Amino acid sequence: MNNRLEQLSIAYKKALGAILLKEFPHLASLTVTDVLIDPSGKTGRVWLATTEEILKEVEQRRGDIQSQLKKHVVTRYTPKISFVLDDRYLDRIDNLFDKIDHED
């Protein structure tokens, strides 16, 4: 990935983190783990470390989140984002529990 796309992904990740914290203050278990913007800048994918129920709630408010994203990151196009469940955090939690079991 080129440098411009990396910087754009980082900017969107920070902005989405702030937006989700503001929009969903009651959800402590919501984390933006990664953002990938396509080279055209018109679409993007956002990985969230959360549960299926919370992912559905966030997806329902996608339009509001995207409109706020326009204010935080100014680009020619605001990408149409889709939210994806990040399963990797579940693997990390399982690994931590395995470590605890092996220490006993």
N, C-alpha and C. Protein backbone atom coordinates (compact mmCIF):
# COMPACT_ATOMS: atom_id res chain seq x y z
N MET A 1 0.85 -1.17 0.00
CA MET A 1 0.00 0.00 0.00
C MET A 1 0.90 1.23 0.00
N ASN A 2 0.50 2.24 -0.79
CA ASN A 2 1.35 3.42 -0.85
C ASN A 2 1.16 4.31 0.38
N ASN A 3 2.05 5.25 0.52
CA ASN A 3 2.11 6.09 1.71
C ASN A 3 0.83 6.91 1.89
N ARG A 4 0.27 7.44 0.81
CA ARG A 4 -0.94 8.25 0.89
C ARG A 4 -2.10 7.42 1.44
N LEU A 5 -2.26 6.21 0.94
CA LEU A 5 -3.35 5.35 1.42
C LEU A 5 -3.15 4.95 2.88
N GLU A 6 -1.92 4.72 3.28
CA GLU A 6 -1.64 4.40 4.69
C GLU A 6 -2.02 5.57 5.58
N GLN A 7 -1.63 6.78 5.18
CA GLN A 7 -1.95 7.96 5.98
C GLN A 7 -3.46 8.18 6.04
N LEU A 8 -4.14 7.95 4.91
CA LEU A 8 -5.58 8.10 4.87
C LEU A 8 -6.27 7.07 5.77
N SER A 9 -5.79 5.84 5.75
CA SER A 9 -6.36 4.80 6.60
C SER A 9 -6.17 5.13 8.08
N ILE A 10 -5.00 5.65 8.42
CA ILE A 10 -4.73 6.03 9.82
C ILE A 10 -5.64 7.18 10.24
N ALA A 11 -5.82 8.16 9.35
CA ALA A 11 -6.68 9.30 9.66
C ALA A 11 -8.13 8.85 9.87
N TYR A 12 -8.60 7.96 8.99
CA TYR A 12 -9.96 7.45 9.14
C TYR A 12 -10.10 6.60 10.40
N LYS A 13 -9.09 5.85 10.75
CA LYS A 13 -9.15 5.03 11.95
C LYS A 13 -9.28 5.90 13.19
N LYS A 14 -8.47 6.96 13.27
CA LYS A 14 -8.56 7.87 14.42
C LYS A 14 -9.90 8.58 14.46
N ALA A 15 -10.37 9.05 13.31
CA ALA A 15 -11.64 9.76 13.26
C ALA A 15 -12.80 8.84 13.63
N LEU A 16 -12.79 7.63 13.10
CA LEU A 16 -13.86 6.68 13.43
C LEU A 16 -13.85 6.31 14.90
N GLY A 17 -12.68 6.18 15.48
CA GLY A 17 -12.60 5.92 16.92
C GLY A 17 -13.27 7.01 17.73
N ALA A 18 -13.00 8.27 17.36
CA ALA A 18 -13.61 9.40 18.07
C ALA A 18 -15.12 9.45 17.83
N ILE A 19 -15.53 9.21 16.59
CA ILE A 19 -16.96 9.26 16.26
C ILE A 19 -17.72 8.16 16.99
N LEU A 20 -17.19 6.94 16.98
CA LEU A 20 -17.87 5.82 17.64
C LEU A 20 -17.93 6.02 19.15
N LEU A 21 -16.89 6.60 19.72
CA LEU A 21 -16.90 6.88 21.16
C LEU A 21 -17.98 7.89 21.50
N LYS A 22 -18.14 8.88 20.63
CA LYS A 22 -19.16 9.91 20.85
C LYS A 22 -20.56 9.35 20.62
N GLU A 23 -20.75 8.57 19.57
CA GLU A 23 -22.07 8.06 19.21
C GLU A 23 -22.53 6.90 20.09
N PHE A 24 -21.58 6.11 20.57
CA PHE A 24 -21.91 4.92 21.36
C PHE A 24 -21.15 4.94 22.69
N PRO A 25 -21.37 5.94 23.54
CA PRO A 25 -20.61 6.00 24.79
C PRO A 25 -20.92 4.85 25.75
N HIS A 26 -22.06 4.22 25.58
CA HIS A 26 -22.47 3.12 26.45
C HIS A 26 -21.81 1.80 26.07
N LEU A 27 -21.09 1.77 24.96
CA LEU A 27 -20.45 0.53 24.51
C LEU A 27 -18.96 0.58 24.78
N ALA A 28 -18.56 -0.06 25.85
CA ALA A 28 -17.14 -0.09 26.22
C ALA A 28 -16.36 -1.08 25.37
N SER A 29 -17.06 -2.06 24.81
CA SER A 29 -16.36 -3.12 24.07
C SER A 29 -16.42 -2.88 22.56
N LEU A 30 -16.16 -1.65 22.13
CA LEU A 30 -16.17 -1.32 20.72
C LEU A 30 -14.84 -0.67 20.35
N THR A 31 -14.05 -1.36 19.51
CA THR A 31 -12.73 -0.89 19.15
C THR A 31 -12.54 -0.99 17.64
N VAL A 32 -12.02 0.08 17.04
CA VAL A 32 -11.67 0.06 15.63
C VAL A 32 -10.27 -0.55 15.54
N THR A 33 -10.17 -1.73 14.94
CA THR A 33 -8.87 -2.40 14.88
C THR A 33 -8.12 -2.11 13.59
N ASP A 34 -8.84 -1.88 12.50
CA ASP A 34 -8.16 -1.62 11.23
C ASP A 34 -9.12 -0.94 10.26
N VAL A 35 -8.55 -0.15 9.35
CA VAL A 35 -9.31 0.51 8.30
C VAL A 35 -8.54 0.31 7.01
N LEU A 36 -9.24 -0.08 5.97
CA LEU A 36 -8.62 -0.25 4.66
C LEU A 36 -9.43 0.54 3.64
N ILE A 37 -8.79 1.52 3.02
CA ILE A 37 -9.42 2.34 2.00
C ILE A 37 -8.91 1.88 0.65
N ASP A 38 -9.83 1.70 -0.31
CA ASP A 38 -9.38 1.26 -1.64
C ASP A 38 -8.66 2.41 -2.35
N PRO A 39 -7.84 2.11 -3.35
CA PRO A 39 -7.04 3.15 -4.02
C PRO A 39 -7.85 4.29 -4.63
N SER A 40 -9.09 4.04 -5.03
CA SER A 40 -9.91 5.12 -5.58
C SER A 40 -10.41 6.06 -4.49
N GLY A 41 -10.43 5.60 -3.25
CA GLY A 41 -10.90 6.41 -2.14
C GLY A 41 -12.41 6.44 -2.01
N LYS A 42 -13.10 5.65 -2.79
CA LYS A 42 -14.57 5.68 -2.78
C LYS A 42 -15.20 4.65 -1.86
N THR A 43 -14.47 3.63 -1.48
CA THR A 43 -15.01 2.63 -0.56
C THR A 43 -13.96 2.29 0.49
N GLY A 44 -14.42 1.79 1.60
CA GLY A 44 -13.51 1.40 2.66
C GLY A 44 -14.14 0.34 3.54
N ARG A 45 -13.28 -0.37 4.22
CA ARG A 45 -13.72 -1.42 5.12
C ARG A 45 -13.15 -1.13 6.49
N VAL A 46 -13.99 -1.27 7.52
CA VAL A 46 -13.60 -0.98 8.89
C VAL A 46 -13.80 -2.24 9.72
N TRP A 47 -12.73 -2.70 10.36
CA TRP A 47 -12.81 -3.88 11.22
C TRP A 47 -13.03 -3.42 12.65
N LEU A 48 -14.03 -4.00 13.29
CA LEU A 48 -14.37 -3.67 14.67
C LEU A 48 -14.20 -4.89 15.56
N ALA A 49 -13.54 -4.71 16.67
CA ALA A 49 -13.43 -5.76 17.68
C ALA A 49 -14.61 -5.57 18.63
N THR A 50 -15.63 -6.37 18.41
CA THR A 50 -16.85 -6.23 19.18
C THR A 50 -17.70 -7.49 19.00
N THR A 51 -18.95 -7.42 19.38
CA THR A 51 -19.86 -8.55 19.22
C THR A 51 -20.76 -8.34 18.00
N GLU A 52 -21.44 -9.41 17.59
CA GLU A 52 -22.35 -9.34 16.44
C GLU A 52 -23.47 -8.32 16.68
N GLU A 53 -24.01 -8.29 17.89
CA GLU A 53 -25.12 -7.38 18.19
C GLU A 53 -24.68 -5.93 18.07
N ILE A 54 -23.52 -5.62 18.60
CA ILE A 54 -23.02 -4.25 18.53
C ILE A 54 -22.68 -3.89 17.08
N LEU A 55 -22.14 -4.82 16.33
CA LEU A 55 -21.84 -4.58 14.92
C LEU A 55 -23.11 -4.22 14.16
N LYS A 56 -24.21 -4.91 14.43
CA LYS A 56 -25.49 -4.60 13.78
C LYS A 56 -25.96 -3.20 14.16
N GLU A 57 -25.79 -2.83 15.41
CA GLU A 57 -26.20 -1.51 15.87
C GLU A 57 -25.38 -0.42 15.18
N VAL A 58 -24.08 -0.65 15.03
CA VAL A 58 -23.22 0.31 14.35
C VAL A 58 -23.59 0.39 12.88
N GLU A 59 -23.85 -0.74 12.26
CA GLU A 59 -24.20 -0.77 10.84
C GLU A 59 -25.50 -0.01 10.57
N GLN A 60 -26.43 -0.07 11.50
CA GLN A 60 -27.69 0.67 11.35
C GLN A 60 -27.47 2.17 11.34
N ARG A 61 -26.42 2.63 11.99
CA ARG A 61 -26.13 4.07 12.08
C ARG A 61 -25.02 4.48 11.12
N ARG A 62 -24.74 3.65 10.11
CA ARG A 62 -23.64 3.89 9.18
C ARG A 62 -23.76 5.25 8.49
N GLY A 63 -24.96 5.63 8.08
CA GLY A 63 -25.17 6.91 7.40
C GLY A 63 -24.76 8.09 8.27
N ASP A 64 -25.16 8.06 9.53
CA ASP A 64 -24.79 9.13 10.46
C ASP A 64 -23.28 9.17 10.67
N ILE A 65 -22.69 7.99 10.79
CA ILE A 65 -21.25 7.90 11.02
C ILE A 65 -20.49 8.45 9.81
N GLN A 66 -20.94 8.12 8.61
CA GLN A 66 -20.28 8.61 7.40
C GLN A 66 -20.41 10.12 7.27
N SER A 67 -21.56 10.68 7.61
CA SER A 67 -21.71 12.13 7.52
C SER A 67 -20.79 12.85 8.50
N GLN A 68 -20.59 12.27 9.67
CA GLN A 68 -19.65 12.86 10.62
C GLN A 68 -18.21 12.68 10.17
N LEU A 69 -17.96 11.59 9.46
CA LEU A 69 -16.62 11.32 8.95
C LEU A 69 -16.19 12.39 7.96
N LYS A 70 -17.14 12.93 7.19
CA LYS A 70 -16.85 14.01 6.24
C LYS A 70 -16.27 15.23 6.95
N LYS A 71 -16.73 15.47 8.15
CA LYS A 71 -16.28 16.64 8.91
C LYS A 71 -14.89 16.43 9.51
N HIS A 72 -14.56 15.18 9.83
CA HIS A 72 -13.28 14.90 10.49
C HIS A 72 -12.12 14.76 9.51
N VAL A 73 -12.36 14.13 8.37
CA VAL A 73 -11.31 13.91 7.38
C VAL A 73 -11.80 14.49 6.06
N VAL A 74 -11.15 15.55 5.61
CA VAL A 74 -11.57 16.23 4.40
C VAL A 74 -10.79 15.68 3.21
N THR A 75 -11.51 15.01 2.31
CA THR A 75 -10.94 14.47 1.08
C THR A 75 -11.94 14.72 -0.04
N ARG A 76 -11.51 14.46 -1.26
CA ARG A 76 -12.41 14.65 -2.41
C ARG A 76 -13.65 13.78 -2.26
N TYR A 77 -13.44 12.53 -1.94
CA TYR A 77 -14.54 11.59 -1.74
C TYR A 77 -14.50 11.08 -0.31
N THR A 78 -15.67 11.01 0.29
CA THR A 78 -15.76 10.31 1.57
C THR A 78 -16.15 8.88 1.23
N PRO A 79 -15.32 7.92 1.60
CA PRO A 79 -15.60 6.55 1.17
C PRO A 79 -16.88 6.00 1.79
N LYS A 80 -17.55 5.16 1.03
CA LYS A 80 -18.68 4.43 1.58
C LYS A 80 -18.08 3.27 2.37
N ILE A 81 -18.29 3.32 3.68
CA ILE A 81 -17.63 2.34 4.54
C ILE A 81 -18.57 1.19 4.86
N SER A 82 -17.97 0.05 5.05
CA SER A 82 -18.69 -1.12 5.53
C SER A 82 -17.97 -1.63 6.77
N PHE A 83 -18.72 -2.10 7.72
CA PHE A 83 -18.16 -2.57 8.97
C PHE A 83 -18.07 -4.09 8.96
N VAL A 84 -16.95 -4.59 9.46
CA VAL A 84 -16.68 -6.03 9.48
C VAL A 84 -16.27 -6.41 10.90
N LEU A 85 -16.73 -7.56 11.34
CA LEU A 85 -16.36 -8.07 12.66
C LEU A 85 -14.93 -8.59 12.62
N ASP A 86 -14.10 -8.12 13.51
CA ASP A 86 -12.71 -8.58 13.60
C ASP A 86 -12.64 -9.75 14.56
N ASP A 87 -12.46 -10.93 14.01
CA ASP A 87 -12.42 -12.15 14.81
C ASP A 87 -11.07 -12.37 15.49
N ARG A 88 -10.07 -11.62 15.07
CA ARG A 88 -8.73 -11.84 15.62
C ARG A 88 -8.67 -11.60 17.12
N TYR A 89 -9.47 -10.66 17.63
CA TYR A 89 -9.40 -10.38 19.06
C TYR A 89 -9.89 -11.57 19.87
N LEU A 90 -10.82 -12.36 19.32
CA LEU A 90 -11.27 -13.56 20.02
C LEU A 90 -10.14 -14.57 20.14
N ASP A 91 -9.33 -14.68 19.08
CA ASP A 91 -8.17 -15.58 19.13
C ASP A 91 -7.18 -15.13 20.20
N ARG A 92 -6.98 -13.81 20.29
CA ARG A 92 -6.05 -13.29 21.30
C ARG A 92 -6.55 -13.60 22.71
N ILE A 93 -7.84 -13.46 22.92
CA ILE A 93 -8.40 -13.74 24.24
C ILE A 93 -8.24 -15.22 24.57
N ASP A 94 -8.50 -16.08 23.59
CA ASP A 94 -8.31 -17.52 23.80
C ASP A 94 -6.86 -17.84 24.13
N ASN A 95 -5.93 -17.19 23.45
CA ASN A 95 -4.50 -17.40 23.73
C ASN A 95 -4.14 -16.97 25.14
N LEU A 96 -4.71 -15.87 25.59
CA LEU A 96 -4.44 -15.41 26.96
C LEU A 96 -4.98 -16.41 27.99
N PHE A 97 -6.17 -16.94 27.75
CA PHE A 97 -6.71 -17.94 28.66
C PHE A 97 -5.87 -19.21 28.65
N ASP A 98 -5.36 -19.58 27.48
CA ASP A 98 -4.49 -20.75 27.40
C ASP A 98 -3.21 -20.54 28.22
N LYS A 99 -2.65 -19.33 28.15
CA LYS A 99 -1.45 -19.02 28.92
C LYS A 99 -1.73 -19.13 30.42
N ILE A 100 -2.88 -18.63 30.83
CA ILE A 100 -3.24 -18.68 32.24
C ILE A 100 -3.39 -20.13 32.69
N ASP A 101 -4.03 -20.94 31.86
CA ASP A 101 -4.20 -22.37 32.19
C ASP A 101 -2.87 -23.08 32.32
N HIS A 102 -1.91 -22.75 31.45
CA HIS A 102 -0.61 -23.42 31.47
C HIS A 102 0.25 -22.95 32.64
N GLU A 103 -0.01 -21.75 33.16
CA GLU A 103 0.77 -21.26 34.30
C GLU A 103 0.36 -21.95 35.60
N ASP A 104 -0.85 -22.43 35.67
CA ASP A 104 -1.35 -23.05 36.90
C ASP A 104 -0.82 -24.42 37.12
